[in-house]
Amino acid sequence: MIGPADLARGAPDERDAGLRAERLFDAAAQSGLDLTRLDEVGRRVATLCCQSAPYLATLITRDPHRLVRVAADPYLRREKPREVLAAEVASWSDRARDAPALGAALRRLRADELVRLGVR
C-alpha cells in the first residue's frame, strides 16, 4: 500500500510534492478511487506528476480516473500514431450529443494526452 509520502519521496521539493500528492489522494477518495493499491505503472505516473510538474498534478487531481486511463494507455512509453489519435477524437465526436458534450470530451482527451506526454 502506498500513501502521499511515497509519491513525494525523493522529489526536489518533497514538501511541495507531498502537498500535491495529498490533494490527489483526497480527490481520488472523493471519486471512489483507491490509490493505495496502484500498480507499478500507475504509481510511476502519479509520482512523476506530483514530483515534477504542478500542472500535471492538477490535471490528475481534477480527474483522478485520468491517472488510471493514462497508466493503461498502450502508448504511454512510445509515440502515439496520428491515426490512433484521430480515431480517438472521431470516437468521442461520434458519442457527443451536443456541442457542450463534444467540448467536454475534447478537453478530457486533451488533458489525458498532456499527462501522457508529460510522463513520457
PDB file of N, CA and C in Angstrom:
ATOM      1  N   MET A   1       0.841  -1.181   0.000  1.00  0.00           N
ATOM      2  CA  MET A   1       0.000   0.000   0.000  1.00  0.00           C
ATOM      3  C   MET A   1       0.889   1.248   0.000  1.00  0.00           C
ATOM      4  N   ILE A   2       0.449   2.233  -0.759  1.00  0.00           N
ATOM      5  CA  ILE A   2       1.205   3.468  -0.834  1.00  0.00           C
ATOM      6  C   ILE A   2       0.372   4.624  -0.302  1.00  0.00           C
ATOM      7  N   GLY A   3       1.061   5.693   0.031  1.00  0.00           N
ATOM      8  CA  GLY A   3       0.395   6.894   0.506  1.00  0.00           C
ATOM      9  C   GLY A   3       1.037   8.117  -0.115  1.00  0.00           C
ATOM     10  N   PRO A   4       0.545   9.299   0.218  1.00  0.00           N
ATOM     11  CA  PRO A   4       1.090  10.529  -0.351  1.00  0.00           C
ATOM     12  C   PRO A   4       2.590  10.686  -0.132  1.00  0.00           C
ATOM     13  N   ALA A   5       3.081  10.304   1.028  1.00  0.00           N
ATOM     14  CA  ALA A   5       4.510  10.450   1.315  1.00  0.00           C
ATOM     15  C   ALA A   5       5.355   9.610   0.355  1.00  0.00           C
ATOM     16  N   ASP A   6       4.832   8.467  -0.071  1.00  0.00           N
ATOM     17  CA  ASP A   6       5.568   7.611  -1.013  1.00  0.00           C
ATOM     18  C   ASP A   6       5.727   8.289  -2.366  1.00  0.00           C
ATOM     19  N   LEU A   7       4.693   9.022  -2.787  1.00  0.00           N
ATOM     20  CA  LEU A   7       4.765   9.705  -4.079  1.00  0.00           C
ATOM     21  C   LEU A   7       5.704  10.897  -4.024  1.00  0.00           C
ATOM     22  N   ALA A   8       5.901  11.475  -2.853  1.00  0.00           N
ATOM     23  CA  ALA A   8       6.748  12.662  -2.714  1.00  0.00           C
ATOM     24  C   ALA A   8       8.205  12.331  -2.422  1.00  0.00           C
ATOM     25  N   ARG A   9       8.459  11.134  -1.947  1.00  0.00           N
ATOM     26  CA  ARG A   9       9.810  10.756  -1.526  1.00  0.00           C
ATOM     27  C   ARG A   9      10.805  10.879  -2.681  1.00  0.00           C
ATOM     28  N   GLY A  10      11.873  11.643  -2.428  1.00  0.00           N
ATOM     29  CA  GLY A  10      12.928  11.809  -3.426  1.00  0.00           C
ATOM     30  C   GLY A  10      12.721  12.990  -4.359  1.00  0.00           C
ATOM     31  N   ALA A  11      11.640  13.720  -4.194  1.00  0.00           N
ATOM     32  CA  ALA A  11      11.378  14.882  -5.052  1.00  0.00           C
ATOM     33  C   ALA A  11      12.338  16.011  -4.696  1.00  0.00           C
ATOM     34  N   PRO A  12      12.642  16.881  -5.644  1.00  0.00           N
ATOM     35  CA  PRO A  12      13.493  18.037  -5.333  1.00  0.00           C
ATOM     36  C   PRO A  12      12.908  18.880  -4.201  1.00  0.00           C
ATOM     37  N   ASP A  13      11.579  19.002  -4.163  1.00  0.00           N
ATOM     38  CA  ASP A  13      10.895  19.708  -3.086  1.00  0.00           C
ATOM     39  C   ASP A  13       9.847  18.749  -2.526  1.00  0.00           C
ATOM     40  N   GLU A  14      10.262  17.933  -1.568  1.00  0.00           N
ATOM     41  CA  GLU A  14       9.373  16.894  -1.032  1.00  0.00           C
ATOM     42  C   GLU A  14       8.127  17.477  -0.376  1.00  0.00           C
ATOM     43  N   ARG A  15       8.252  18.618   0.245  1.00  0.00           N
ATOM     44  CA  ARG A  15       7.088  19.225   0.902  1.00  0.00           C
ATOM     45  C   ARG A  15       6.030  19.602  -0.128  1.00  0.00           C
ATOM     46  N   ASP A  16       6.448  20.263  -1.194  1.00  0.00           N
ATOM     47  CA  ASP A  16       5.516  20.670  -2.242  1.00  0.00           C
ATOM     48  C   ASP A  16       4.908  19.447  -2.937  1.00  0.00           C
ATOM     49  N   ALA A  17       5.745  18.471  -3.262  1.00  0.00           N
ATOM     50  CA  ALA A  17       5.253  17.242  -3.904  1.00  0.00           C
ATOM     51  C   ALA A  17       4.286  16.512  -2.963  1.00  0.00           C
ATOM     52  N   GLY A  18       4.573  16.546  -1.674  1.00  0.00           N
ATOM     53  CA  GLY A  18       3.697  15.907  -0.702  1.00  0.00           C
ATOM     54  C   GLY A  18       2.329  16.563  -0.638  1.00  0.00           C
ATOM     55  N   LEU A  19       2.304  17.885  -0.741  1.00  0.00           N
ATOM     56  CA  LEU A  19       1.016  18.591  -0.755  1.00  0.00           C
ATOM     57  C   LEU A  19       0.209  18.228  -1.998  1.00  0.00           C
ATOM     58  N   ARG A  20       0.868  18.149  -3.149  1.00  0.00           N
ATOM     59  CA  ARG A  20       0.166  17.754  -4.377  1.00  0.00           C
ATOM     60  C   ARG A  20      -0.337  16.320  -4.264  1.00  0.00           C
ATOM     61  N   ALA A  21       0.478  15.441  -3.677  1.00  0.00           N
ATOM     62  CA  ALA A  21       0.077  14.042  -3.509  1.00  0.00           C
ATOM     63  C   ALA A  21      -1.119  13.923  -2.558  1.00  0.00           C
ATOM     64  N   GLU A  22      -1.113  14.705  -1.488  1.00  0.00           N
ATOM     65  CA  GLU A  22      -2.248  14.675  -0.551  1.00  0.00           C
ATOM     66  C   GLU A  22      -3.528  15.132  -1.237  1.00  0.00           C
ATOM     67  N   ARG A  23      -3.441  16.188  -2.041  1.00  0.00           N
ATOM     68  CA  ARG A  23      -4.621  16.655  -2.780  1.00  0.00           C
ATOM     69  C   ARG A  23      -5.115  15.574  -3.740  1.00  0.00           C
ATOM     70  N   LEU A  24      -4.183  14.877  -4.383  1.00  0.00           N
ATOM     71  CA  LEU A  24      -4.562  13.795  -5.296  1.00  0.00           C
ATOM     72  C   LEU A  24      -5.268  12.678  -4.543  1.00  0.00           C
ATOM     73  N   PHE A  25      -4.729  12.261  -3.412  1.00  0.00           N
ATOM     74  CA  PHE A  25      -5.352  11.191  -2.632  1.00  0.00           C
ATOM     75  C   PHE A  25      -6.741  11.601  -2.140  1.00  0.00           C
ATOM     76  N   ASP A  26      -6.883  12.861  -1.720  1.00  0.00           N
ATOM     77  CA  ASP A  26      -8.194  13.349  -1.273  1.00  0.00           C
ATOM     78  C   ASP A  26      -9.206  13.326  -2.419  1.00  0.00           C
ATOM     79  N   ALA A  27      -8.795  13.833  -3.573  1.00  0.00           N
ATOM     80  CA  ALA A  27      -9.697  13.862  -4.735  1.00  0.00           C
ATOM     81  C   ALA A  27     -10.060  12.450  -5.178  1.00  0.00           C
ATOM     82  N   ALA A  28      -9.091  11.548  -5.145  1.00  0.00           N
ATOM     83  CA  ALA A  28      -9.354  10.161  -5.536  1.00  0.00           C
ATOM     84  C   ALA A  28     -10.359   9.521  -4.579  1.00  0.00           C
ATOM     85  N   ALA A  29     -10.186   9.743  -3.297  1.00  0.00           N
ATOM     86  CA  ALA A  29     -11.117   9.172  -2.311  1.00  0.00           C
ATOM     87  C   ALA A  29     -12.532   9.701  -2.539  1.00  0.00           C
ATOM     88  N   GLN A  30     -12.660  10.978  -2.857  1.00  0.00           N
ATOM     89  CA  GLN A  30     -13.982  11.556  -3.105  1.00  0.00           C
ATOM     90  C   GLN A  30     -14.627  10.979  -4.357  1.00  0.00           C
ATOM     91  N   SER A  31     -13.799  10.543  -5.315  1.00  0.00           N
ATOM     92  CA  SER A  31     -14.358   9.981  -6.554  1.00  0.00           C
ATOM     93  C   SER A  31     -14.464   8.455  -6.503  1.00  0.00           C
ATOM     94  N   GLY A  32     -14.155   7.876  -5.336  1.00  0.00           N
ATOM     95  CA  GLY A  32     -14.294   6.433  -5.171  1.00  0.00           C
ATOM     96  C   GLY A  32     -13.125   5.623  -5.689  1.00  0.00           C
ATOM     97  N   LEU A  33     -11.992   6.246  -5.879  1.00  0.00           N
ATOM     98  CA  LEU A  33     -10.807   5.572  -6.412  1.00  0.00           C
ATOM     99  C   LEU A  33      -9.803   5.354  -5.286  1.00  0.00           C
ATOM    100  N   ASP A  34      -9.341   4.117  -5.121  1.00  0.00           N
ATOM    101  CA  ASP A  34      -8.377   3.779  -4.072  1.00  0.00           C
ATOM    102  C   ASP A  34      -6.965   3.796  -4.660  1.00  0.00           C
ATOM    103  N   LEU A  35      -6.217   4.843  -4.364  1.00  0.00           N
ATOM    104  CA  LEU A  35      -4.853   4.962  -4.896  1.00  0.00           C
ATOM    105  C   LEU A  35      -3.832   4.185  -4.068  1.00  0.00           C
ATOM    106  N   THR A  36      -4.237   3.657  -2.929  1.00  0.00           N
ATOM    107  CA  THR A  36      -3.274   2.938  -2.087  1.00  0.00           C
ATOM    108  C   THR A  36      -2.834   1.630  -2.728  1.00  0.00           C
ATOM    109  N   ARG A  37      -3.571   1.173  -3.721  1.00  0.00           N
ATOM    110  CA  ARG A  37      -3.257  -0.102  -4.367  1.00  0.00           C
ATOM    111  C   ARG A  37      -2.903   0.060  -5.851  1.00  0.00           C
ATOM    112  N   LEU A  38      -2.283   1.187  -6.190  1.00  0.00           N
ATOM    113  CA  LEU A  38      -1.871   1.407  -7.580  1.00  0.00           C
ATOM    114  C   LEU A  38      -0.852   0.363  -8.020  1.00  0.00           C
ATOM    115  N   ASP A  39      -0.947  -0.047  -9.282  1.00  0.00           N
ATOM    116  CA  ASP A  39       0.090  -0.930  -9.802  1.00  0.00           C
ATOM    117  C   ASP A  39       1.350  -0.101 -10.062  1.00  0.00           C
ATOM    118  N   GLU A  40       2.414  -0.745 -10.496  1.00  0.00           N
ATOM    119  CA  GLU A  40       3.703  -0.069 -10.673  1.00  0.00           C
ATOM    120  C   GLU A  40       3.621   1.080 -11.671  1.00  0.00           C
ATOM    121  N   VAL A  41       2.938   0.875 -12.771  1.00  0.00           N
ATOM    122  CA  VAL A  41       2.829   1.932 -13.785  1.00  0.00           C
ATOM    123  C   VAL A  41       2.018   3.104 -13.240  1.00  0.00           C
ATOM    124  N   GLY A  42       0.897   2.828 -12.612  1.00  0.00           N
ATOM    125  CA  GLY A  42       0.090   3.890 -12.027  1.00  0.00           C
ATOM    126  C   GLY A  42       0.854   4.664 -10.974  1.00  0.00           C
ATOM    127  N   ARG A  43       1.637   3.964 -10.194  1.00  0.00           N
ATOM    128  CA  ARG A  43       2.453   4.633  -9.166  1.00  0.00           C
ATOM    129  C   ARG A  43       3.491   5.541  -9.811  1.00  0.00           C
ATOM    130  N   ARG A  44       4.105   5.078 -10.884  1.00  0.00           N
ATOM    131  CA  ARG A  44       5.083   5.912 -11.588  1.00  0.00           C
ATOM    132  C   ARG A  44       4.454   7.169 -12.159  1.00  0.00           C
ATOM    133  N   VAL A  45       3.294   7.006 -12.786  1.00  0.00           N
ATOM    134  CA  VAL A  45       2.595   8.163 -13.359  1.00  0.00           C
ATOM    135  C   VAL A  45       2.271   9.163 -12.253  1.00  0.00           C
ATOM    136  N   ALA A  46       1.709   8.697 -11.147  1.00  0.00           N
ATOM    137  CA  ALA A  46       1.347   9.581 -10.041  1.00  0.00           C
ATOM    138  C   ALA A  46       2.586  10.259  -9.452  1.00  0.00           C
ATOM    139  N   THR A  47       3.660   9.508  -9.282  1.00  0.00           N
ATOM    140  CA  THR A  47       4.895  10.062  -8.722  1.00  0.00           C
ATOM    141  C   THR A  47       5.458  11.152  -9.621  1.00  0.00           C
ATOM    142  N   LEU A  48       5.541  10.873 -10.910  1.00  0.00           N
ATOM    143  CA  LEU A  48       6.073  11.873 -11.837  1.00  0.00           C
ATOM    144  C   LEU A  48       5.218  13.133 -11.851  1.00  0.00           C
ATOM    145  N   CYS A  49       3.914  12.964 -11.849  1.00  0.00           N
ATOM    146  CA  CYS A  49       3.025  14.127 -11.862  1.00  0.00           C
ATOM    147  C   CYS A  49       3.157  14.943 -10.581  1.00  0.00           C
ATOM    148  N   CYS A  50       3.252  14.287  -9.450  1.00  0.00           N
ATOM    149  CA  CYS A  50       3.334  15.003  -8.179  1.00  0.00           C
ATOM    150  C   CYS A  50       4.702  15.636  -7.954  1.00  0.00           C
ATOM    151  N   GLN A  51       5.757  15.005  -8.451  1.00  0.00           N
ATOM    152  CA  GLN A  51       7.102  15.498  -8.187  1.00  0.00           C
ATOM    153  C   GLN A  51       7.601  16.524  -9.188  1.00  0.00           C
ATOM    154  N   SER A  52       7.173  16.424 -10.428  1.00  0.00           N
ATOM    155  CA  SER A  52       7.837  17.238 -11.442  1.00  0.00           C
ATOM    156  C   SER A  52       7.038  18.420 -11.960  1.00  0.00           C
ATOM    157  N   ALA A  53       5.761  18.267 -12.128  1.00  0.00           N
ATOM    158  CA  ALA A  53       5.000  19.303 -12.814  1.00  0.00           C
ATOM    159  C   ALA A  53       3.695  19.604 -12.095  1.00  0.00           C
ATOM    160  N   PRO A  54       3.601  20.746 -11.463  1.00  0.00           N
ATOM    161  CA  PRO A  54       2.348  21.087 -10.786  1.00  0.00           C
ATOM    162  C   PRO A  54       1.139  21.037 -11.719  1.00  0.00           C
ATOM    163  N   TYR A  55       1.328  21.417 -12.973  1.00  0.00           N
ATOM    164  CA  TYR A  55       0.204  21.398 -13.911  1.00  0.00           C
ATOM    165  C   TYR A  55      -0.298  19.973 -14.127  1.00  0.00           C
ATOM    166  N   LEU A  56       0.601  19.019 -14.281  1.00  0.00           N
ATOM    167  CA  LEU A  56       0.185  17.626 -14.466  1.00  0.00           C
ATOM    168  C   LEU A  56      -0.506  17.103 -13.207  1.00  0.00           C
ATOM    169  N   ALA A  57       0.014  17.484 -12.045  1.00  0.00           N
ATOM    170  CA  ALA A  57      -0.627  17.071 -10.793  1.00  0.00           C
ATOM    171  C   ALA A  57      -2.040  17.637 -10.714  1.00  0.00           C
ATOM    172  N   THR A  58      -2.211  18.861 -11.168  1.00  0.00           N
ATOM    173  CA  THR A  58      -3.542  19.477 -11.172  1.00  0.00           C
ATOM    174  C   THR A  58      -4.495  18.712 -12.086  1.00  0.00           C
ATOM    175  N   LEU A  59      -4.003  18.313 -13.247  1.00  0.00           N
ATOM    176  CA  LEU A  59      -4.851  17.576 -14.192  1.00  0.00           C
ATOM    177  C   LEU A  59      -5.311  16.236 -13.623  1.00  0.00           C
ATOM    178  N   ILE A  60      -4.427  15.513 -12.946  1.00  0.00           N
ATOM    179  CA  ILE A  60      -4.859  14.216 -12.398  1.00  0.00           C
ATOM    180  C   ILE A  60      -5.666  14.398 -11.122  1.00  0.00           C
ATOM    181  N   THR A  61      -5.480  15.512 -10.427  1.00  0.00           N
ATOM    182  CA  THR A  61      -6.279  15.771  -9.235  1.00  0.00           C
ATOM    183  C   THR A  61      -7.706  16.151  -9.617  1.00  0.00           C
ATOM    184  N   ARG A  62      -7.855  16.896 -10.703  1.00  0.00           N
ATOM    185  CA  ARG A  62      -9.203  17.271 -11.168  1.00  0.00           C
ATOM    186  C   ARG A  62     -10.006  16.051 -11.599  1.00  0.00           C
ATOM    187  N   ASP A  63      -9.308  15.061 -12.136  1.00  0.00           N
ATOM    188  CA  ASP A  63      -9.966  13.827 -12.594  1.00  0.00           C
ATOM    189  C   ASP A  63      -9.046  12.653 -12.242  1.00  0.00           C
ATOM    190  N   PRO A  64      -9.131  12.147 -11.005  1.00  0.00           N
ATOM    191  CA  PRO A  64      -8.233  11.068 -10.583  1.00  0.00           C
ATOM    192  C   PRO A  64      -8.300   9.823 -11.479  1.00  0.00           C
ATOM    193  N   HIS A  65      -9.429   9.608 -12.134  1.00  0.00           N
ATOM    194  CA  HIS A  65      -9.523   8.452 -13.032  1.00  0.00           C
ATOM    195  C   HIS A  65      -8.628   8.633 -14.257  1.00  0.00           C
ATOM    196  N   ARG A  66      -8.217   9.879 -14.526  1.00  0.00           N
ATOM    197  CA  ARG A  66      -7.268  10.143 -15.611  1.00  0.00           C
ATOM    198  C   ARG A  66      -5.964   9.386 -15.364  1.00  0.00           C
ATOM    199  N   LEU A  67      -5.566   9.302 -14.105  1.00  0.00           N
ATOM    200  CA  LEU A  67      -4.351   8.573 -13.740  1.00  0.00           C
ATOM    201  C   LEU A  67      -4.441   7.121 -14.207  1.00  0.00           C
ATOM    202  N   VAL A  68      -5.576   6.505 -13.971  1.00  0.00           N
ATOM    203  CA  VAL A  68      -5.783   5.108 -14.372  1.00  0.00           C
ATOM    204  C   VAL A  68      -5.803   4.986 -15.894  1.00  0.00           C
ATOM    205  N   ARG A  69      -6.498   5.919 -16.571  1.00  0.00           N
ATOM    206  CA  ARG A  69      -6.577   5.870 -18.040  1.00  0.00           C
ATOM    207  C   ARG A  69      -5.197   6.026 -18.670  1.00  0.00           C
ATOM    208  N   VAL A  70      -4.427   6.985 -18.167  1.00  0.00           N
ATOM    209  CA  VAL A  70      -3.098   7.227 -18.735  1.00  0.00           C
ATOM    210  C   VAL A  70      -2.171   6.051 -18.457  1.00  0.00           C
ATOM    211  N   ALA A  71      -2.212   5.513 -17.251  1.00  0.00           N
ATOM    212  CA  ALA A  71      -1.351   4.378 -16.912  1.00  0.00           C
ATOM    213  C   ALA A  71      -1.665   3.165 -17.774  1.00  0.00           C
ATOM    214  N   ALA A  72      -2.914   3.042 -18.233  1.00  0.00           N
ATOM    215  CA  ALA A  72      -3.319   1.895 -19.054  1.00  0.00           C
ATOM    216  C   ALA A  72      -3.122   2.149 -20.553  1.00  0.00           C
ATOM    217  N   ASP A  73      -2.755   3.354 -20.930  1.00  0.00           N
ATOM    218  CA  ASP A  73      -2.599   3.686 -22.350  1.00  0.00           C
ATOM    219  C   ASP A  73      -1.423   2.907 -22.939  1.00  0.00           C
ATOM    220  N   PRO A  74      -1.655   2.149 -24.009  1.00  0.00           N
ATOM    221  CA  PRO A  74      -0.557   1.380 -24.602  1.00  0.00           C
ATOM    222  C   PRO A  74       0.527   2.261 -25.217  1.00  0.00           C
ATOM    223  N   TYR A  75       0.241   3.539 -25.375  1.00  0.00           N
ATOM    224  CA  TYR A  75       1.225   4.456 -25.957  1.00  0.00           C
ATOM    225  C   TYR A  75       1.898   5.315 -24.894  1.00  0.00           C
ATOM    226  N   LEU A  76       1.872   4.878 -23.657  1.00  0.00           N
ATOM    227  CA  LEU A  76       2.497   5.636 -22.587  1.00  0.00           C
ATOM    228  C   LEU A  76       4.007   5.749 -22.798  1.00  0.00           C
ATOM    229  N   ARG A  77       4.609   4.706 -23.331  1.00  0.00           N
ATOM    230  CA  ARG A  77       6.072   4.677 -23.475  1.00  0.00           C
ATOM    231  C   ARG A  77       6.548   4.813 -24.917  1.00  0.00           C
ATOM    232  N   ARG A  78       5.647   5.116 -25.808  1.00  0.00           N
ATOM    233  CA  ARG A  78       6.046   5.265 -27.209  1.00  0.00           C
ATOM    234  C   ARG A  78       5.139   6.281 -27.887  1.00  0.00           C
ATOM    235  N   GLU A  79       5.554   6.701 -29.051  1.00  0.00           N
ATOM    236  CA  GLU A  79       4.793   7.700 -29.785  1.00  0.00           C
ATOM    237  C   GLU A  79       3.435   7.149 -30.197  1.00  0.00           C
ATOM    238  N   LYS A  80       2.419   7.975 -30.043  1.00  0.00           N
ATOM    239  CA  LYS A  80       1.075   7.586 -30.460  1.00  0.00           C
ATOM    240  C   LYS A  80       0.908   7.992 -31.919  1.00  0.00           C
ATOM    241  N   PRO A  81       0.618   7.028 -32.790  1.00  0.00           N
ATOM    242  CA  PRO A  81       0.449   7.363 -34.203  1.00  0.00           C
ATOM    243  C   PRO A  81      -0.702   8.353 -34.420  1.00  0.00           C
ATOM    244  N   ARG A  82      -0.536   9.186 -35.395  1.00  0.00           N
ATOM    245  CA  ARG A  82      -1.531  10.195 -35.722  1.00  0.00           C
ATOM    246  C   ARG A  82      -2.899   9.557 -35.973  1.00  0.00           C
ATOM    247  N   GLU A  83      -2.907   8.400 -36.624  1.00  0.00           N
ATOM    248  CA  GLU A  83      -4.165   7.721 -36.945  1.00  0.00           C
ATOM    249  C   GLU A  83      -4.905   7.280 -35.681  1.00  0.00           C
ATOM    250  N   VAL A  84      -4.164   6.853 -34.688  1.00  0.00           N
ATOM    251  CA  VAL A  84      -4.771   6.416 -33.431  1.00  0.00           C
ATOM    252  C   VAL A  84      -5.416   7.609 -32.728  1.00  0.00           C
ATOM    253  N   LEU A  85      -4.691   8.716 -32.671  1.00  0.00           N
ATOM    254  CA  LEU A  85      -5.242   9.915 -32.040  1.00  0.00           C
ATOM    255  C   LEU A  85      -6.463  10.414 -32.813  1.00  0.00           C
ATOM    256  N   ALA A  86      -6.391  10.392 -34.143  1.00  0.00           N
ATOM    257  CA  ALA A  86      -7.539  10.826 -34.957  1.00  0.00           C
ATOM    258  C   ALA A  86      -8.747   9.923 -34.697  1.00  0.00           C
ATOM    259  N   ALA A  87      -8.511   8.628 -34.542  1.00  0.00           N
ATOM    260  CA  ALA A  87      -9.609   7.695 -34.262  1.00  0.00           C
ATOM    261  C   ALA A  87     -10.219   7.966 -32.882  1.00  0.00           C
ATOM    262  N   GLU A  88      -9.391   8.309 -31.901  1.00  0.00           N
ATOM    263  CA  GLU A  88      -9.905   8.635 -30.575  1.00  0.00           C
ATOM    264  C   GLU A  88     -10.771   9.895 -30.633  1.00  0.00           C
ATOM    265  N   VAL A  89     -10.306  10.904 -31.352  1.00  0.00           N
ATOM    266  CA  VAL A  89     -11.086  12.141 -31.482  1.00  0.00           C
ATOM    267  C   VAL A  89     -12.411  11.842 -32.182  1.00  0.00           C
ATOM    268  N   ALA A  90     -12.356  11.063 -33.258  1.00  0.00           N
ATOM    269  CA  ALA A  90     -13.571  10.724 -34.000  1.00  0.00           C
ATOM    270  C   ALA A  90     -14.547   9.944 -33.120  1.00  0.00           C
ATOM    271  N   SER A  91     -14.027   9.028 -32.319  1.00  0.00           N
ATOM    272  CA  SER A  91     -14.885   8.234 -31.436  1.00  0.00           C
ATOM    273  C   SER A  91     -15.620   9.125 -30.441  1.00  0.00           C
ATOM    274  N   TRP A  92     -14.899  10.057 -29.828  1.00  0.00           N
ATOM    275  CA  TRP A  92     -15.538  10.967 -28.883  1.00  0.00           C
ATOM    276  C   TRP A  92     -16.511  11.891 -29.596  1.00  0.00           C
ATOM    277  N   SER A  93     -16.180  12.306 -30.800  1.00  0.00           N
ATOM    278  CA  SER A  93     -17.076  13.186 -31.572  1.00  0.00           C
ATOM    279  C   SER A  93     -18.378  12.478 -31.896  1.00  0.00           C
ATOM    280  N   ASP A  94     -18.294  11.210 -32.243  1.00  0.00           N
ATOM    281  CA  ASP A  94     -19.490  10.438 -32.583  1.00  0.00           C
ATOM    282  C   ASP A  94     -20.412  10.253 -31.388  1.00  0.00           C
ATOM    283  N   ARG A  95     -19.833  10.157 -30.182  1.00  0.00           N
ATOM    284  CA  ARG A  95     -20.631   9.909 -28.981  1.00  0.00           C
ATOM    285  C   ARG A  95     -21.256  11.172 -28.389  1.00  0.00           C
ATOM    286  N   ALA A  96     -20.733  12.338 -28.773  1.00  0.00           N
ATOM    287  CA  ALA A  96     -21.226  13.586 -28.187  1.00  0.00           C
ATOM    288  C   ALA A  96     -22.632  13.887 -28.681  1.00  0.00           C
ATOM    289  N   ARG A  97     -23.507  14.231 -27.742  1.00  0.00           N
ATOM    290  CA  ARG A  97     -24.903  14.535 -28.065  1.00  0.00           C
ATOM    291  C   ARG A  97     -25.087  15.956 -28.570  1.00  0.00           C
ATOM    292  N   ASP A  98     -24.240  16.857 -28.075  1.00  0.00           N
ATOM    293  CA  ASP A  98     -24.379  18.262 -28.450  1.00  0.00           C
ATOM    294  C   ASP A  98     -23.021  18.942 -28.338  1.00  0.00           C
ATOM    295  N   ALA A  99     -22.980  20.219 -28.670  1.00  0.00           N
ATOM    296  CA  ALA A  99     -21.718  20.958 -28.668  1.00  0.00           C
ATOM    297  C   ALA A  99     -21.050  21.003 -27.293  1.00  0.00           C
ATOM    298  N   PRO A 100     -21.788  21.254 -26.200  1.00  0.00           N
ATOM    299  CA  PRO A 100     -21.124  21.255 -24.889  1.00  0.00           C
ATOM    300  C   PRO A 100     -20.521  19.887 -24.533  1.00  0.00           C
ATOM    301  N   ALA A 101     -21.213  18.815 -24.876  1.00  0.00           N
ATOM    302  CA  ALA A 101     -20.682  17.468 -24.590  1.00  0.00           C
ATOM    303  C   ALA A 101     -19.436  17.202 -25.420  1.00  0.00           C
ATOM    304  N   LEU A 102     -19.446  17.650 -26.662  1.00  0.00           N
ATOM    305  CA  LEU A 102     -18.267  17.485 -27.517  1.00  0.00           C
ATOM    306  C   LEU A 102     -17.094  18.273 -26.947  1.00  0.00           C
ATOM    307  N   GLY A 103     -17.344  19.500 -26.526  1.00  0.00           N
ATOM    308  CA  GLY A 103     -16.273  20.311 -25.936  1.00  0.00           C
ATOM    309  C   GLY A 103     -15.683  19.660 -24.703  1.00  0.00           C
ATOM    310  N   ALA A 104     -16.542  19.122 -23.847  1.00  0.00           N
ATOM    311  CA  ALA A 104     -16.069  18.454 -22.628  1.00  0.00           C
ATOM    312  C   ALA A 104     -15.247  17.214 -22.971  1.00  0.00           C
ATOM    313  N   ALA A 105     -15.703  16.456 -23.952  1.00  0.00           N
ATOM    314  CA  ALA A 105     -14.982  15.245 -24.360  1.00  0.00           C
ATOM    315  C   ALA A 105     -13.613  15.588 -24.932  1.00  0.00           C
ATOM    316  N   LEU A 106     -13.563  16.622 -25.745  1.00  0.00           N
ATOM    317  CA  LEU A 106     -12.281  17.011 -26.339  1.00  0.00           C
ATOM    318  C   LEU A 106     -11.326  17.573 -25.282  1.00  0.00           C
ATOM    319  N   ARG A 107     -11.844  18.296 -24.298  1.00  0.00           N
ATOM    320  CA  ARG A 107     -10.991  18.783 -23.208  1.00  0.00           C
ATOM    321  C   ARG A 107     -10.443  17.618 -22.396  1.00  0.00           C
ATOM    322  N   ARG A 108     -11.278  16.614 -22.155  1.00  0.00           N
ATOM    323  CA  ARG A 108     -10.829  15.431 -21.411  1.00  0.00           C
ATOM    324  C   ARG A 108      -9.731  14.702 -22.184  1.00  0.00           C
ATOM    325  N   LEU A 109      -9.933  14.527 -23.474  1.00  0.00           N
ATOM    326  CA  LEU A 109      -8.934  13.858 -24.311  1.00  0.00           C
ATOM    327  C   LEU A 109      -7.636  14.651 -24.329  1.00  0.00           C
ATOM    328  N   ARG A 110      -7.729  15.973 -24.460  1.00  0.00           N
ATOM    329  CA  ARG A 110      -6.531  16.820 -24.467  1.00  0.00           C
ATOM    330  C   ARG A 110      -5.777  16.697 -23.144  1.00  0.00           C
ATOM    331  N   ALA A 111      -6.481  16.740 -22.025  1.00  0.00           N
ATOM    332  CA  ALA A 111      -5.835  16.640 -20.718  1.00  0.00           C
ATOM    333  C   ALA A 111      -5.171  15.274 -20.535  1.00  0.00           C
ATOM    334  N   ASP A 112      -5.848  14.217 -20.966  1.00  0.00           N
ATOM    335  CA  ASP A 112      -5.251  12.879 -20.895  1.00  0.00           C
ATOM    336  C   ASP A 112      -3.949  12.842 -21.695  1.00  0.00           C
ATOM    337  N   GLU A 113      -3.977  13.427 -22.883  1.00  0.00           N
ATOM    338  CA  GLU A 113      -2.787  13.428 -23.740  1.00  0.00           C
ATOM    339  C   GLU A 113      -1.663  14.268 -23.137  1.00  0.00           C
ATOM    340  N   LEU A 114      -2.000  15.384 -22.516  1.00  0.00           N
ATOM    341  CA  LEU A 114      -0.969  16.197 -21.866  1.00  0.00           C
ATOM    342  C   LEU A 114      -0.285  15.429 -20.743  1.00  0.00           C
ATOM    343  N   VAL A 115      -1.066  14.713 -19.961  1.00  0.00           N
ATOM    344  CA  VAL A 115      -0.470  13.914 -18.884  1.00  0.00           C
ATOM    345  C   VAL A 115       0.372  12.781 -19.489  1.00  0.00           C
ATOM    346  N   ARG A 116      -0.159  12.103 -20.499  1.00  0.00           N
ATOM    347  CA  ARG A 116       0.599  11.017 -21.130  1.00  0.00           C
ATOM    348  C   ARG A 116       1.928  11.522 -21.675  1.00  0.00           C
ATOM    349  N   LEU A 117       1.897  12.641 -22.378  1.00  0.00           N
ATOM    350  CA  LEU A 117       3.120  13.201 -22.952  1.00  0.00           C
ATOM    351  C   LEU A 117       4.073  13.700 -21.870  1.00  0.00           C
ATOM    352  N   GLY A 118       3.530  14.307 -20.827  1.00  0.00           N
ATOM    353  CA  GLY A 118       4.378  14.787 -19.736  1.00  0.00           C
ATOM    354  C   GLY A 118       5.092  13.658 -19.021  1.00  0.00           C
ATOM    355  N   VAL A 119       4.418  12.563 -18.827  1.00  0.00           N
ATOM    356  CA  VAL A 119       5.008  11.408 -18.169  1.00  0.00           C
ATOM    357  C   VAL A 119       6.019  10.728 -19.084  1.00  0.00           C
ATOM    358  N   ARG A 120       5.675  10.684 -20.341  1.00  0.00           N
ATOM    359  CA  ARG A 120       6.550  10.043 -21.323  1.00  0.00           C
ATOM    360  C   ARG A 120       7.860  10.784 -21.401  1.00  0.00           C
TER     361      ARG A 120
END
